[in-house]
PDB file of all heavy atoms in Angstrom:
ATOM      1  N   ARG A   1     -11.836  -7.669   6.089  1.00  0.00           N
ATOM      2  CA  ARG A   1     -11.262  -8.752   5.282  1.00  0.00           C
ATOM      3  C   ARG A   1     -12.375  -9.606   4.661  1.00  0.00           C
ATOM      4  O   ARG A   1     -12.291  -9.999   3.490  1.00  0.00           O
ATOM      5  CB  ARG A   1     -10.321  -9.615   6.129  1.00  0.00           C
ATOM      6  CG  ARG A   1      -8.993  -8.956   6.423  1.00  0.00           C
ATOM      7  CD  ARG A   1      -7.984  -9.935   7.014  1.00  0.00           C
ATOM      8  NE  ARG A   1      -8.478 -10.635   8.173  1.00  0.00           N
ATOM      9  CZ  ARG A   1      -8.339 -10.250   9.433  1.00  0.00           C
ATOM     10  NH1 ARG A   1      -7.694  -9.125   9.708  1.00  0.00           N
ATOM     11  NH2 ARG A   1      -8.809 -10.978  10.425  1.00  0.00           N
ATOM     12  N   THR A   2     -13.422  -9.886   5.433  1.00  0.00           N
ATOM     13  CA  THR A   2     -14.555 -10.669   4.919  1.00  0.00           C
ATOM     14  C   THR A   2     -15.238  -9.936   3.769  1.00  0.00           C
ATOM     15  O   THR A   2     -15.576 -10.544   2.750  1.00  0.00           O
ATOM     16  CB  THR A   2     -15.559 -10.956   6.054  1.00  0.00           C
ATOM     17  OG1 THR A   2     -14.883 -11.714   7.070  1.00  0.00           O
ATOM     18  CG2 THR A   2     -16.764 -11.724   5.543  1.00  0.00           C
ATOM     19  N   ILE A   3     -15.449  -8.636   3.911  1.00  0.00           N
ATOM     20  CA  ILE A   3     -16.072  -7.827   2.853  1.00  0.00           C
ATOM     21  C   ILE A   3     -15.213  -7.836   1.590  1.00  0.00           C
ATOM     22  O   ILE A   3     -15.719  -7.997   0.479  1.00  0.00           O
ATOM     23  CB  ILE A   3     -16.311  -6.391   3.351  1.00  0.00           C
ATOM     24  CG1 ILE A   3     -17.430  -6.371   4.398  1.00  0.00           C
ATOM     25  CG2 ILE A   3     -16.629  -5.448   2.183  1.00  0.00           C
ATOM     26  CD1 ILE A   3     -17.549  -5.064   5.157  1.00  0.00           C
ATOM     27  N   VAL A   4     -13.911  -7.669   1.757  1.00  0.00           N
ATOM     28  CA  VAL A   4     -12.994  -7.661   0.604  1.00  0.00           C
ATOM     29  C   VAL A   4     -13.049  -9.004  -0.118  1.00  0.00           C
ATOM     30  O   VAL A   4     -13.178  -9.059  -1.351  1.00  0.00           O
ATOM     31  CB  VAL A   4     -11.554  -7.317   1.051  1.00  0.00           C
ATOM     32  CG1 VAL A   4     -10.554  -7.597  -0.058  1.00  0.00           C
ATOM     33  CG2 VAL A   4     -11.472  -5.862   1.506  1.00  0.00           C
ATOM     34  N   LYS A   5     -12.970 -10.092   0.615  1.00  0.00           N
ATOM     35  CA  LYS A   5     -13.006 -11.413  -0.010  1.00  0.00           C
ATOM     36  C   LYS A   5     -14.347 -11.660  -0.708  1.00  0.00           C
ATOM     37  O   LYS A   5     -14.380 -12.247  -1.792  1.00  0.00           O
ATOM     38  CB  LYS A   5     -12.716 -12.505   1.027  1.00  0.00           C
ATOM     39  CG  LYS A   5     -11.259 -12.497   1.465  1.00  0.00           C
ATOM     40  CD  LYS A   5     -10.919 -13.678   2.342  1.00  0.00           C
ATOM     41  CE  LYS A   5     -11.253 -13.386   3.769  1.00  0.00           C
ATOM     42  NZ  LYS A   5     -10.747 -14.434   4.696  1.00  0.00           N
ATOM     43  N   ALA A   6     -15.429 -11.186  -0.117  1.00  0.00           N
ATOM     44  CA  ALA A   6     -16.749 -11.345  -0.748  1.00  0.00           C
ATOM     45  C   ALA A   6     -16.806 -10.592  -2.076  1.00  0.00           C
ATOM     46  O   ALA A   6     -17.348 -11.102  -3.065  1.00  0.00           O
ATOM     47  CB  ALA A   6     -17.845 -10.848   0.197  1.00  0.00           C
ATOM     48  N   HIS A   7     -16.236  -9.389  -2.124  1.00  0.00           N
ATOM     49  CA  HIS A   7     -16.219  -8.639  -3.386  1.00  0.00           C
ATOM     50  C   HIS A   7     -15.328  -9.316  -4.427  1.00  0.00           C
ATOM     51  O   HIS A   7     -15.657  -9.318  -5.615  1.00  0.00           O
ATOM     52  CB  HIS A   7     -15.783  -7.194  -3.150  1.00  0.00           C
ATOM     53  CG  HIS A   7     -16.919  -6.324  -2.739  1.00  0.00           C
ATOM     54  ND1 HIS A   7     -17.359  -6.248  -1.447  1.00  0.00           N
ATOM     55  CD2 HIS A   7     -17.742  -5.543  -3.464  1.00  0.00           C
ATOM     56  CE1 HIS A   7     -18.389  -5.440  -1.383  1.00  0.00           C
ATOM     57  NE2 HIS A   7     -18.654  -5.000  -2.595  1.00  0.00           N
ATOM     58  N   MET A   8     -14.240  -9.916  -4.013  1.00  0.00           N
ATOM     59  CA  MET A   8     -13.386 -10.629  -4.965  1.00  0.00           C
ATOM     60  C   MET A   8     -14.159 -11.791  -5.585  1.00  0.00           C
ATOM     61  O   MET A   8     -14.111 -11.996  -6.800  1.00  0.00           O
ATOM     62  CB  MET A   8     -12.110 -11.144  -4.288  1.00  0.00           C
ATOM     63  CG  MET A   8     -11.151 -10.067  -3.788  1.00  0.00           C
ATOM     64  SD  MET A   8     -10.624  -8.895  -5.058  1.00  0.00           S
ATOM     65  CE  MET A   8     -11.731  -7.523  -4.747  1.00  0.00           C
ATOM     66  N   ARG A   9     -14.890 -12.515  -4.766  1.00  0.00           N
ATOM     67  CA  ARG A   9     -15.694 -13.627  -5.309  1.00  0.00           C
ATOM     68  C   ARG A   9     -16.813 -13.097  -6.204  1.00  0.00           C
ATOM     69  O   ARG A   9     -17.043 -13.623  -7.292  1.00  0.00           O
ATOM     70  CB  ARG A   9     -16.251 -14.477  -4.171  1.00  0.00           C
ATOM     71  CG  ARG A   9     -15.189 -15.307  -3.464  1.00  0.00           C
ATOM     72  CD  ARG A   9     -15.798 -16.311  -2.490  1.00  0.00           C
ATOM     73  NE  ARG A   9     -16.544 -15.675  -1.423  1.00  0.00           N
ATOM     74  CZ  ARG A   9     -16.017 -15.228  -0.277  1.00  0.00           C
ATOM     75  NH1 ARG A   9     -14.720 -15.344  -0.062  1.00  0.00           N
ATOM     76  NH2 ARG A   9     -16.788 -14.685   0.648  1.00  0.00           N
ATOM     77  N   LEU A  10     -17.511 -12.051  -5.760  1.00  0.00           N
ATOM     78  CA  LEU A  10     -18.599 -11.454  -6.538  1.00  0.00           C
ATOM     79  C   LEU A  10     -18.107 -10.983  -7.904  1.00  0.00           C
ATOM     80  O   LEU A  10     -18.801 -11.127  -8.912  1.00  0.00           O
ATOM     81  CB  LEU A  10     -19.198 -10.279  -5.759  1.00  0.00           C
ATOM     82  CG  LEU A  10     -20.287  -9.471  -6.453  1.00  0.00           C
ATOM     83  CD1 LEU A  10     -21.552 -10.304  -6.606  1.00  0.00           C
ATOM     84  CD2 LEU A  10     -20.574  -8.199  -5.679  1.00  0.00           C
ATOM     85  N   TRP A  11     -16.913 -10.433  -7.944  1.00  0.00           N
ATOM     86  CA  TRP A  11     -16.360  -9.890  -9.181  1.00  0.00           C
ATOM     87  C   TRP A  11     -15.591 -10.929 -10.004  1.00  0.00           C
ATOM     88  O   TRP A  11     -14.919 -10.589 -10.976  1.00  0.00           O
ATOM     89  CB  TRP A  11     -15.445  -8.710  -8.868  1.00  0.00           C
ATOM     90  CG  TRP A  11     -16.177  -7.518  -8.322  1.00  0.00           C
ATOM     91  CD1 TRP A  11     -17.515  -7.254  -8.389  1.00  0.00           C
ATOM     92  CD2 TRP A  11     -15.596  -6.412  -7.633  1.00  0.00           C
ATOM     93  NE1 TRP A  11     -17.793  -6.048  -7.784  1.00  0.00           N
ATOM     94  CE2 TRP A  11     -16.632  -5.513  -7.311  1.00  0.00           C
ATOM     95  CE3 TRP A  11     -14.292  -6.084  -7.250  1.00  0.00           C
ATOM     96  CZ2 TRP A  11     -16.420  -4.322  -6.624  1.00  0.00           C
ATOM     97  CZ3 TRP A  11     -14.072  -4.904  -6.565  1.00  0.00           C
ATOM     98  CH2 TRP A  11     -15.133  -4.030  -6.264  1.00  0.00           C
ATOM     99  N   GLY A  12     -15.650 -12.185  -9.619  1.00  0.00           N
ATOM    100  CA  GLY A  12     -14.979 -13.239 -10.380  1.00  0.00           C
ATOM    101  C   GLY A  12     -13.485 -13.305 -10.154  1.00  0.00           C
ATOM    102  O   GLY A  12     -12.755 -13.822 -10.997  1.00  0.00           O
ATOM    103  N   CYS A  13     -13.021 -12.811  -9.038  1.00  0.00           N
ATOM    104  CA  CYS A  13     -11.582 -12.784  -8.722  1.00  0.00           C
ATOM    105  C   CYS A  13     -11.260 -13.615  -7.486  1.00  0.00           C
ATOM    106  O   CYS A  13     -10.374 -13.258  -6.706  1.00  0.00           O
ATOM    107  CB  CYS A  13     -11.126 -11.348  -8.500  1.00  0.00           C
ATOM    108  SG  CYS A  13     -11.386 -10.256  -9.886  1.00  0.00           S
ATOM    109  N   ALA A  14     -11.970 -14.726  -7.302  1.00  0.00           N
ATOM    110  CA  ALA A  14     -11.792 -15.556  -6.108  1.00  0.00           C
ATOM    111  C   ALA A  14     -10.337 -15.971  -5.853  1.00  0.00           C
ATOM    112  O   ALA A  14      -9.900 -15.975  -4.705  1.00  0.00           O
ATOM    113  CB  ALA A  14     -12.699 -16.777  -6.177  1.00  0.00           C
ATOM    114  N   PRO A  15      -9.541 -16.295  -6.892  1.00  0.00           N
ATOM    115  CA  PRO A  15      -8.158 -16.683  -6.616  1.00  0.00           C
ATOM    116  C   PRO A  15      -7.321 -15.573  -5.961  1.00  0.00           C
ATOM    117  O   PRO A  15      -6.307 -15.848  -5.330  1.00  0.00           O
ATOM    118  CB  PRO A  15      -7.591 -17.034  -8.000  1.00  0.00           C
ATOM    119  CG  PRO A  15      -8.786 -17.391  -8.818  1.00  0.00           C
ATOM    120  CD  PRO A  15      -9.883 -16.508  -8.318  1.00  0.00           C
ATOM    121  N   LEU A  16      -7.749 -14.320  -6.104  1.00  0.00           N
ATOM    122  CA  LEU A  16      -7.020 -13.200  -5.514  1.00  0.00           C
ATOM    123  C   LEU A  16      -7.511 -12.833  -4.114  1.00  0.00           C
ATOM    124  O   LEU A  16      -6.899 -12.001  -3.441  1.00  0.00           O
ATOM    125  CB  LEU A  16      -7.142 -11.961  -6.404  1.00  0.00           C
ATOM    126  CG  LEU A  16      -6.598 -12.044  -7.812  1.00  0.00           C
ATOM    127  CD1 LEU A  16      -6.897 -10.758  -8.562  1.00  0.00           C
ATOM    128  CD2 LEU A  16      -5.108 -12.333  -7.790  1.00  0.00           C
ATOM    129  N   ALA A  17      -8.604 -13.438  -3.673  1.00  0.00           N
ATOM    130  CA  ALA A  17      -9.285 -12.988  -2.461  1.00  0.00           C
ATOM    131  C   ALA A  17      -8.383 -12.935  -1.231  1.00  0.00           C
ATOM    132  O   ALA A  17      -8.344 -11.907  -0.535  1.00  0.00           O
ATOM    133  CB  ALA A  17     -10.505 -13.877  -2.184  1.00  0.00           C
ATOM    134  N   GLU A  18      -7.667 -13.983  -0.940  1.00  0.00           N
ATOM    135  CA  GLU A  18      -6.821 -14.011   0.264  1.00  0.00           C
ATOM    136  C   GLU A  18      -5.686 -12.995   0.184  1.00  0.00           C
ATOM    137  O   GLU A  18      -5.394 -12.298   1.159  1.00  0.00           O
ATOM    138  CB  GLU A  18      -6.265 -15.412   0.511  1.00  0.00           C
ATOM    139  CG  GLU A  18      -7.305 -16.432   0.930  1.00  0.00           C
ATOM    140  CD  GLU A  18      -7.961 -16.131   2.279  1.00  0.00           C
ATOM    141  OE1 GLU A  18      -7.312 -15.524   3.157  1.00  0.00           O
ATOM    142  OE2 GLU A  18      -9.133 -16.507   2.441  1.00  0.00           O
ATOM    143  N   THR A  19      -5.055 -12.906  -0.979  1.00  0.00           N
ATOM    144  CA  THR A  19      -3.935 -11.973  -1.140  1.00  0.00           C
ATOM    145  C   THR A  19      -4.406 -10.532  -1.046  1.00  0.00           C
ATOM    146  O   THR A  19      -3.778  -9.705  -0.371  1.00  0.00           O
ATOM    147  CB  THR A  19      -3.227 -12.214  -2.492  1.00  0.00           C
ATOM    148  OG1 THR A  19      -2.791 -13.568  -2.537  1.00  0.00           O
ATOM    149  CG2 THR A  19      -2.031 -11.295  -2.658  1.00  0.00           C
ATOM    150  N   VAL A  20      -5.513 -10.210  -1.700  1.00  0.00           N
ATOM    151  CA  VAL A  20      -6.047  -8.845  -1.641  1.00  0.00           C
ATOM    152  C   VAL A  20      -6.439  -8.501  -0.203  1.00  0.00           C
ATOM    153  O   VAL A  20      -6.119  -7.420   0.294  1.00  0.00           O
ATOM    154  CB  VAL A  20      -7.230  -8.661  -2.612  1.00  0.00           C
ATOM    155  CG1 VAL A  20      -7.902  -7.321  -2.408  1.00  0.00           C
ATOM    156  CG2 VAL A  20      -6.755  -8.800  -4.056  1.00  0.00           C
ATOM    157  N   ALA A  21      -7.104  -9.431   0.485  1.00  0.00           N
ATOM    158  CA  ALA A  21      -7.508  -9.181   1.870  1.00  0.00           C
ATOM    159  C   ALA A  21      -6.286  -8.949   2.766  1.00  0.00           C
ATOM    160  O   ALA A  21      -6.306  -8.062   3.627  1.00  0.00           O
ATOM    161  CB  ALA A  21      -8.354 -10.339   2.395  1.00  0.00           C
ATOM    162  N   LEU A  22      -5.232  -9.715   2.562  1.00  0.00           N
ATOM    163  CA  LEU A  22      -4.009  -9.527   3.343  1.00  0.00           C
ATOM    164  C   LEU A  22      -3.392  -8.154   3.076  1.00  0.00           C
ATOM    165  O   LEU A  22      -2.992  -7.440   4.010  1.00  0.00           O
ATOM    166  CB  LEU A  22      -2.990 -10.629   3.013  1.00  0.00           C
ATOM    167  CG  LEU A  22      -1.618 -10.491   3.663  1.00  0.00           C
ATOM    168  CD1 LEU A  22      -1.719 -10.553   5.180  1.00  0.00           C
ATOM    169  CD2 LEU A  22      -0.683 -11.569   3.135  1.00  0.00           C
ATOM    170  N   CYS A  23      -3.330  -7.749   1.821  1.00  0.00           N
ATOM    171  CA  CYS A  23      -2.747  -6.445   1.470  1.00  0.00           C
ATOM    172  C   CYS A  23      -3.598  -5.298   2.016  1.00  0.00           C
ATOM    173  O   CYS A  23      -3.058  -4.302   2.509  1.00  0.00           O
ATOM    174  CB  CYS A  23      -2.575  -6.327  -0.044  1.00  0.00           C
ATOM    175  SG  CYS A  23      -1.303  -7.433  -0.699  1.00  0.00           S
ATOM    176  N   VAL A  24      -4.928  -5.430   1.954  1.00  0.00           N
ATOM    177  CA  VAL A  24      -5.809  -4.414   2.530  1.00  0.00           C
ATOM    178  C   VAL A  24      -5.558  -4.324   4.030  1.00  0.00           C
ATOM    179  O   VAL A  24      -5.438  -3.230   4.586  1.00  0.00           O
ATOM    180  CB  VAL A  24      -7.295  -4.736   2.231  1.00  0.00           C
ATOM    181  CG1 VAL A  24      -8.220  -3.887   3.098  1.00  0.00           C
ATOM    182  CG2 VAL A  24      -7.596  -4.505   0.760  1.00  0.00           C
ATOM    183  N   HIS A  25      -5.459  -5.462   4.690  1.00  0.00           N
ATOM    184  CA  HIS A  25      -5.180  -5.489   6.127  1.00  0.00           C
ATOM    185  C   HIS A  25      -3.891  -4.732   6.442  1.00  0.00           C
ATOM    186  O   HIS A  25      -3.847  -3.916   7.363  1.00  0.00           O
ATOM    187  CB  HIS A  25      -5.079  -6.948   6.597  1.00  0.00           C
ATOM    188  CG  HIS A  25      -4.770  -7.097   8.047  1.00  0.00           C
ATOM    189  ND1 HIS A  25      -5.732  -7.317   8.987  1.00  0.00           N
ATOM    190  CD2 HIS A  25      -3.592  -7.035   8.713  1.00  0.00           C
ATOM    191  CE1 HIS A  25      -5.162  -7.400  10.179  1.00  0.00           C
ATOM    192  NE2 HIS A  25      -3.872  -7.233  10.034  1.00  0.00           N
ATOM    193  N   GLU A  26      -2.855  -4.981   5.663  1.00  0.00           N
ATOM    194  CA  GLU A  26      -1.567  -4.304   5.891  1.00  0.00           C
ATOM    195  C   GLU A  26      -1.703  -2.795   5.746  1.00  0.00           C
ATOM    196  O   GLU A  26      -1.137  -2.038   6.531  1.00  0.00           O
ATOM    197  CB  GLU A  26      -0.500  -4.840   4.935  1.00  0.00           C
ATOM    198  CG  GLU A  26      -0.014  -6.229   5.270  1.00  0.00           C
ATOM    199  CD  GLU A  26       0.608  -6.332   6.655  1.00  0.00           C
ATOM    200  OE1 GLU A  26       1.338  -5.403   7.063  1.00  0.00           O
ATOM    201  OE2 GLU A  26       0.365  -7.334   7.331  1.00  0.00           O
ATOM    202  N   LEU A  27      -2.439  -2.344   4.734  1.00  0.00           N
ATOM    203  CA  LEU A  27      -2.631  -0.894   4.569  1.00  0.00           C
ATOM    204  C   LEU A  27      -3.445  -0.311   5.721  1.00  0.00           C
ATOM    205  O   LEU A  27      -3.131   0.773   6.230  1.00  0.00           O
ATOM    206  CB  LEU A  27      -3.325  -0.591   3.242  1.00  0.00           C
ATOM    207  CG  LEU A  27      -2.519  -0.823   1.972  1.00  0.00           C
ATOM    208  CD1 LEU A  27      -3.344  -0.429   0.750  1.00  0.00           C
ATOM    209  CD2 LEU A  27      -1.209  -0.061   2.001  1.00  0.00           C
ATOM    210  N   LEU A  28      -4.482  -1.019   6.135  1.00  0.00           N
ATOM    211  CA  LEU A  28      -5.348  -0.488   7.182  1.00  0.00           C
ATOM    212  C   LEU A  28      -4.662  -0.389   8.536  1.00  0.00           C
ATOM    213  O   LEU A  28      -4.859   0.589   9.255  1.00  0.00           O
ATOM    214  CB  LEU A  28      -6.624  -1.318   7.291  1.00  0.00           C
ATOM    215  CG  LEU A  28      -7.596  -1.212   6.124  1.00  0.00           C
ATOM    216  CD1 LEU A  28      -8.797  -2.122   6.346  1.00  0.00           C
ATOM    217  CD2 LEU A  28      -8.039   0.223   5.893  1.00  0.00           C
ATOM    218  N   VAL A  29      -3.864  -1.377   8.902  1.00  0.00           N
ATOM    219  CA  VAL A  29      -3.215  -1.303  10.221  1.00  0.00           C
ATOM    220  C   VAL A  29      -2.234  -0.140  10.295  1.00  0.00           C
ATOM    221  O   VAL A  29      -1.930   0.352  11.380  1.00  0.00           O
ATOM    222  CB  VAL A  29      -2.535  -2.621  10.644  1.00  0.00           C
ATOM    223  CG1 VAL A  29      -3.545  -3.734  10.802  1.00  0.00           C
ATOM    224  CG2 VAL A  29      -1.428  -3.018   9.706  1.00  0.00           C
ATOM    225  N   ASN A  30      -1.759   0.320   9.144  1.00  0.00           N
ATOM    226  CA  ASN A  30      -0.846   1.469   9.140  1.00  0.00           C
ATOM    227  C   ASN A  30      -1.559   2.797   9.354  1.00  0.00           C
ATOM    228  O   ASN A  30      -0.927   3.779   9.728  1.00  0.00           O
ATOM    229  CB  ASN A  30      -0.062   1.526   7.825  1.00  0.00           C
ATOM    230  CG  ASN A  30       1.034   0.494   7.772  1.00  0.00           C
ATOM    231  OD1 ASN A  30       1.582   0.108   8.795  1.00  0.00           O
ATOM    232  ND2 ASN A  30       1.345   0.033   6.577  1.00  0.00           N
ATOM    233  N   VAL A  31      -2.855   2.850   9.117  1.00  0.00           N
ATOM    234  CA  VAL A  31      -3.573   4.124   9.221  1.00  0.00           C
ATOM    235  C   VAL A  31      -3.451   4.722  10.619  1.00  0.00           C
ATOM    236  O   VAL A  31      -2.887   5.807  10.774  1.00  0.00           O
ATOM    237  CB  VAL A  31      -5.047   3.984   8.765  1.00  0.00           C
ATOM    238  CG1 VAL A  31      -5.834   5.229   9.104  1.00  0.00           C
ATOM    239  CG2 VAL A  31      -5.110   3.694   7.271  1.00  0.00           C
ATOM    240  N   PRO A  32      -3.935   4.075  11.678  1.00  0.00           N
ATOM    241  CA  PRO A  32      -3.810   4.714  12.999  1.00  0.00           C
ATOM    242  C   PRO A  32      -2.364   4.784  13.490  1.00  0.00           C
ATOM    243  O   PRO A  32      -1.988   5.722  14.193  1.00  0.00           O
ATOM    244  CB  PRO A  32      -4.663   3.837  13.914  1.00  0.00           C
ATOM    245  CG  PRO A  32      -4.818   2.539  13.210  1.00  0.00           C
ATOM    246  CD  PRO A  32      -4.682   2.830  11.736  1.00  0.00           C
ATOM    247  N   ARG A  33      -1.563   3.828  13.066  1.00  0.00           N
ATOM    248  CA  ARG A  33      -0.166   3.772  13.513  1.00  0.00           C
ATOM    249  C   ARG A  33       0.638   4.967  12.990  1.00  0.00           C
ATOM    250  O   ARG A  33       1.481   5.503  13.689  1.00  0.00           O
ATOM    251  CB  ARG A  33       0.452   2.464  13.023  1.00  0.00           C
ATOM    252  CG  ARG A  33       1.831   2.181  13.558  1.00  0.00           C
ATOM    253  CD  ARG A  33       2.318   0.827  13.117  1.00  0.00           C
ATOM    254  NE  ARG A  33       1.534  -0.215  13.782  1.00  0.00           N
ATOM    255  CZ  ARG A  33       1.366  -1.441  13.319  1.00  0.00           C
ATOM    256  NH1 ARG A  33       1.923  -1.796  12.190  1.00  0.00           N
ATOM    257  NH2 ARG A  33       0.650  -2.312  13.970  1.00  0.00           N
ATOM    258  N   HIS A  34       0.375   5.379  11.752  1.00  0.00           N
ATOM    259  CA  HIS A  34       1.198   6.416  11.133  1.00  0.00           C
ATOM    260  C   HIS A  34       0.501   7.756  10.934  1.00  0.00           C
ATOM    261  O   HIS A  34       1.136   8.726  10.527  1.00  0.00           O
ATOM    262  CB  HIS A  34       1.740   5.921   9.791  1.00  0.00           C
ATOM    263  CG  HIS A  34       2.671   4.753   9.938  1.00  0.00           C
ATOM    264  ND1 HIS A  34       3.913   4.859  10.506  1.00  0.00           N
ATOM    265  CD2 HIS A  34       2.512   3.450   9.603  1.00  0.00           C
ATOM    266  CE1 HIS A  34       4.495   3.670  10.516  1.00  0.00           C
ATOM    267  NE2 HIS A  34       3.667   2.801   9.973  1.00  0.00           N
ATOM    268  N   THR A  35      -0.811   7.819  11.194  1.00  0.00           N
ATOM    269  CA  THR A  35      -1.510   9.087  10.990  1.00  0.00           C
ATOM    270  C   THR A  35      -2.024   9.698  12.286  1.00  0.00           C
ATOM    271  O   THR A  35      -2.351  10.872  12.317  1.00  0.00           O
ATOM    272  CB  THR A  35      -2.724   8.927  10.045  1.00  0.00           C
ATOM    273  OG1 THR A  35      -3.733   8.171  10.707  1.00  0.00           O
ATOM    274  CG2 THR A  35      -2.323   8.263   8.743  1.00  0.00           C
ATOM    275  N   GLY A  36      -2.141   8.891  13.324  1.00  0.00           N
ATOM    276  CA  GLY A  36      -2.699   9.386  14.577  1.00  0.00           C
ATOM    277  C   GLY A  36      -4.216   9.401  14.588  1.00  0.00           C
ATOM    278  O   GLY A  36      -4.829   9.822  15.560  1.00  0.00           O
ATOM    279  N   SER A  37      -4.838   8.960  13.504  1.00  0.00           N
ATOM    280  CA  SER A  37      -6.299   8.923  13.409  1.00  0.00           C
ATOM    281  C   SER A  37      -6.721   7.597  12.786  1.00  0.00           C
ATOM    282  O   SER A  37      -6.107   7.143  11.821  1.00  0.00           O
ATOM    283  CB  SER A  37      -6.801  10.075  12.528  1.00  0.00           C
ATOM    284  OG  SER A  37      -8.174   9.904  12.241  1.00  0.00           O
ATOM    285  N   PRO A  38      -7.787   6.987  13.299  1.00  0.00           N
ATOM    286  CA  PRO A  38      -8.257   5.737  12.706  1.00  0.00           C
ATOM    287  C   PRO A  38      -9.135   5.935  11.467  1.00  0.00           C
ATOM    288  O   PRO A  38      -9.502   4.971  10.813  1.00  0.00           O
ATOM    289  CB  PRO A  38      -9.070   5.101  13.839  1.00  0.00           C
ATOM    290  CG  PRO A  38      -9.620   6.262  14.588  1.00  0.00           C
ATOM    291  CD  PRO A  38      -8.537   7.325  14.505  1.00  0.00           C
ATOM    292  N   ARG A  39      -9.459   7.187  11.115  1.00  0.00           N
ATOM    293  CA  ARG A  39     -10.366   7.477  10.000  1.00  0.00           C
ATOM    294  C   ARG A  39      -9.686   7.246   8.655  1.00  0.00           C
ATOM    295  O   ARG A  39      -8.576   7.721   8.418  1.00  0.00           O
ATOM    296  CB  ARG A  39     -10.845   8.930  10.045  1.00  0.00           C
ATOM    297  CG  ARG A  39     -11.659   9.302  11.230  1.00  0.00           C
ATOM    298  CD  ARG A  39     -13.032   8.695  11.293  1.00  0.00           C
ATOM    299  NE  ARG A  39     -13.832   8.986  10.116  1.00  0.00           N
ATOM    300  CZ  ARG A  39     -14.810   8.208   9.690  1.00  0.00           C
ATOM    301  NH1 ARG A  39     -15.117   7.115  10.325  1.00  0.00           N
ATOM    302  NH2 ARG A  39     -15.499   8.532   8.631  1.00  0.00           N
ATOM    303  N   CYS A  40     -10.391   6.547   7.771  1.00  0.00           N
ATOM    304  CA  CYS A  40      -9.878   6.336   6.416  1.00  0.00           C
ATOM    305  C   CYS A  40     -11.032   5.936   5.503  1.00  0.00           C
ATOM    306  O   CYS A  40     -12.153   5.727   5.946  1.00  0.00           O
ATOM    307  CB  CYS A  40      -8.775   5.288   6.388  1.00  0.00           C
ATOM    308  SG  CYS A  40      -9.315   3.615   6.732  1.00  0.00           S
ATOM    309  N   GLU A  41     -10.718   5.829   4.241  1.00  0.00           N
ATOM    310  CA  GLU A  41     -11.669   5.373   3.237  1.00  0.00           C
ATOM    311  C   GLU A  41     -11.006   4.261   2.440  1.00  0.00           C
ATOM    312  O   GLU A  41      -9.878   4.403   1.973  1.00  0.00           O
ATOM    313  CB  GLU A  41     -12.042   6.521   2.298  1.00  0.00           C
ATOM    314  CG  GLU A  41     -12.986   6.096   1.195  1.00  0.00           C
ATOM    315  CD  GLU A  41     -13.238   7.195   0.178  1.00  0.00           C
ATOM    316  OE1 GLU A  41     -12.277   7.920  -0.171  1.00  0.00           O
ATOM    317  OE2 GLU A  41     -14.378   7.322  -0.262  1.00  0.00           O
ATOM    318  N   LEU A  42     -11.708   3.155   2.292  1.00  0.00           N
ATOM    319  CA  LEU A  42     -11.255   2.018   1.496  1.00  0.00           C
ATOM    320  C   LEU A  42     -12.025   2.032   0.189  1.00  0.00           C
ATOM    321  O   LEU A  42     -13.248   2.141   0.191  1.00  0.00           O
ATOM    322  CB  LEU A  42     -11.531   0.710   2.251  1.00  0.00           C
ATOM    323  CG  LEU A  42     -11.316  -0.586   1.468  1.00  0.00           C
ATOM    324  CD1 LEU A  42      -9.855  -0.771   1.093  1.00  0.00           C
ATOM    325  CD2 LEU A  42     -11.839  -1.771   2.282  1.00  0.00           C
ATOM    326  N   ILE A  43     -11.304   1.934  -0.922  1.00  0.00           N
ATOM    327  CA  ILE A  43     -11.932   1.895  -2.244  1.00  0.00           C
ATOM    328  C   ILE A  43     -11.406   0.676  -2.997  1.00  0.00           C
ATOM    329  O   ILE A  43     -10.197   0.511  -3.154  1.00  0.00           O
ATOM    330  CB  ILE A  43     -11.627   3.168  -3.065  1.00  0.00           C
ATOM    331  CG1 ILE A  43     -12.035   4.426  -2.299  1.00  0.00           C
ATOM    332  CG2 ILE A  43     -12.321   3.099  -4.429  1.00  0.00           C
ATOM    333  CD1 ILE A  43     -11.527   5.715  -2.926  1.00  0.00           C
ATOM    334  N   LEU A  44     -12.322  -0.158  -3.453  1.00  0.00           N
ATOM    335  CA  LEU A  44     -11.991  -1.281  -4.325  1.00  0.00           C
ATOM    336  C   LEU A  44     -12.511  -0.939  -5.703  1.00  0.00           C
ATOM    337  O   LEU A  44     -13.703  -0.672  -5.863  1.00  0.00           O
ATOM    338  CB  LEU A  44     -12.662  -2.571  -3.839  1.00  0.00           C
ATOM    339  CG  LEU A  44     -12.474  -2.986  -2.383  1.00  0.00           C
ATOM    340  CD1 LEU A  44     -13.314  -4.224  -2.090  1.00  0.00           C
ATOM    341  CD2 LEU A  44     -11.017  -3.231  -2.081  1.00  0.00           C
TER     342      LEU A  44
END
Protein backbone atom coordinates (compact mmCIF):
# COMPACT_ATOMS: atom_id res chain seq x y z
CA ARG A 1 0.00 0.00 0.00
CA THR A 2 2.87 2.39 0.82
CA ILE A 3 4.55 1.66 -2.54
CA VAL A 4 1.27 2.21 -4.42
CA LYS A 5 0.61 5.53 -2.68
CA ALA A 6 4.19 6.66 -3.35
CA HIS A 7 3.76 5.96 -7.08
CA MET A 8 0.47 7.87 -7.14
CA ARG A 9 2.21 10.90 -5.65
CA LEU A 10 5.24 10.49 -7.96
CA TRP A 11 2.96 10.34 -10.99
CA GLY A 12 0.93 13.39 -9.95
CA CYS A 13 -2.11 11.38 -8.86
CA ALA A 14 -2.02 12.09 -5.11
CA PRO A 15 -5.82 12.53 -4.82
CA LEU A 16 -6.24 8.92 -5.99
CA ALA A 17 -3.60 7.43 -3.69
CA GLU A 18 -5.82 6.16 -0.87
CA THR A 19 -8.50 4.78 -3.18
CA VAL A 20 -6.01 3.04 -5.46
CA ALA A 21 -4.18 1.56 -2.45
CA LEU A 22 -7.47 0.26 -1.03
CA CYS A 23 -8.46 -1.34 -4.36
CA VAL A 24 -5.00 -2.93 -4.75
CA HIS A 25 -5.33 -4.30 -1.21
CA GLU A 26 -8.71 -5.83 -2.07
CA LEU A 27 -7.29 -7.53 -5.17
CA LEU A 28 -4.24 -8.82 -3.34
CA VAL A 29 -6.07 -10.38 -0.39
CA ASN A 30 -8.08 -12.41 -2.89
CA VAL A 31 -4.98 -14.00 -4.43
CA PRO A 32 -4.17 -16.61 -1.75
CA ARG A 33 -7.83 -16.91 -0.74
CA HIS A 34 -9.05 -17.89 -4.22
CA THR A 35 -5.99 -19.36 -5.94
CA GLY A 36 -4.32 -21.44 -3.25
CA SER A 37 -1.02 -19.66 -3.94
CA PRO A 38 0.30 -16.34 -2.63
CA ARG A 39 2.30 -15.71 -5.86
CA CYS A 40 1.18 -12.83 -8.05
CA GLU A 41 2.38 -9.86 -10.05
CA LEU A 42 1.22 -6.29 -9.45
CA ILE A 43 1.38 -3.88 -12.39
CA LEU A 44 0.67 -0.16 -12.17
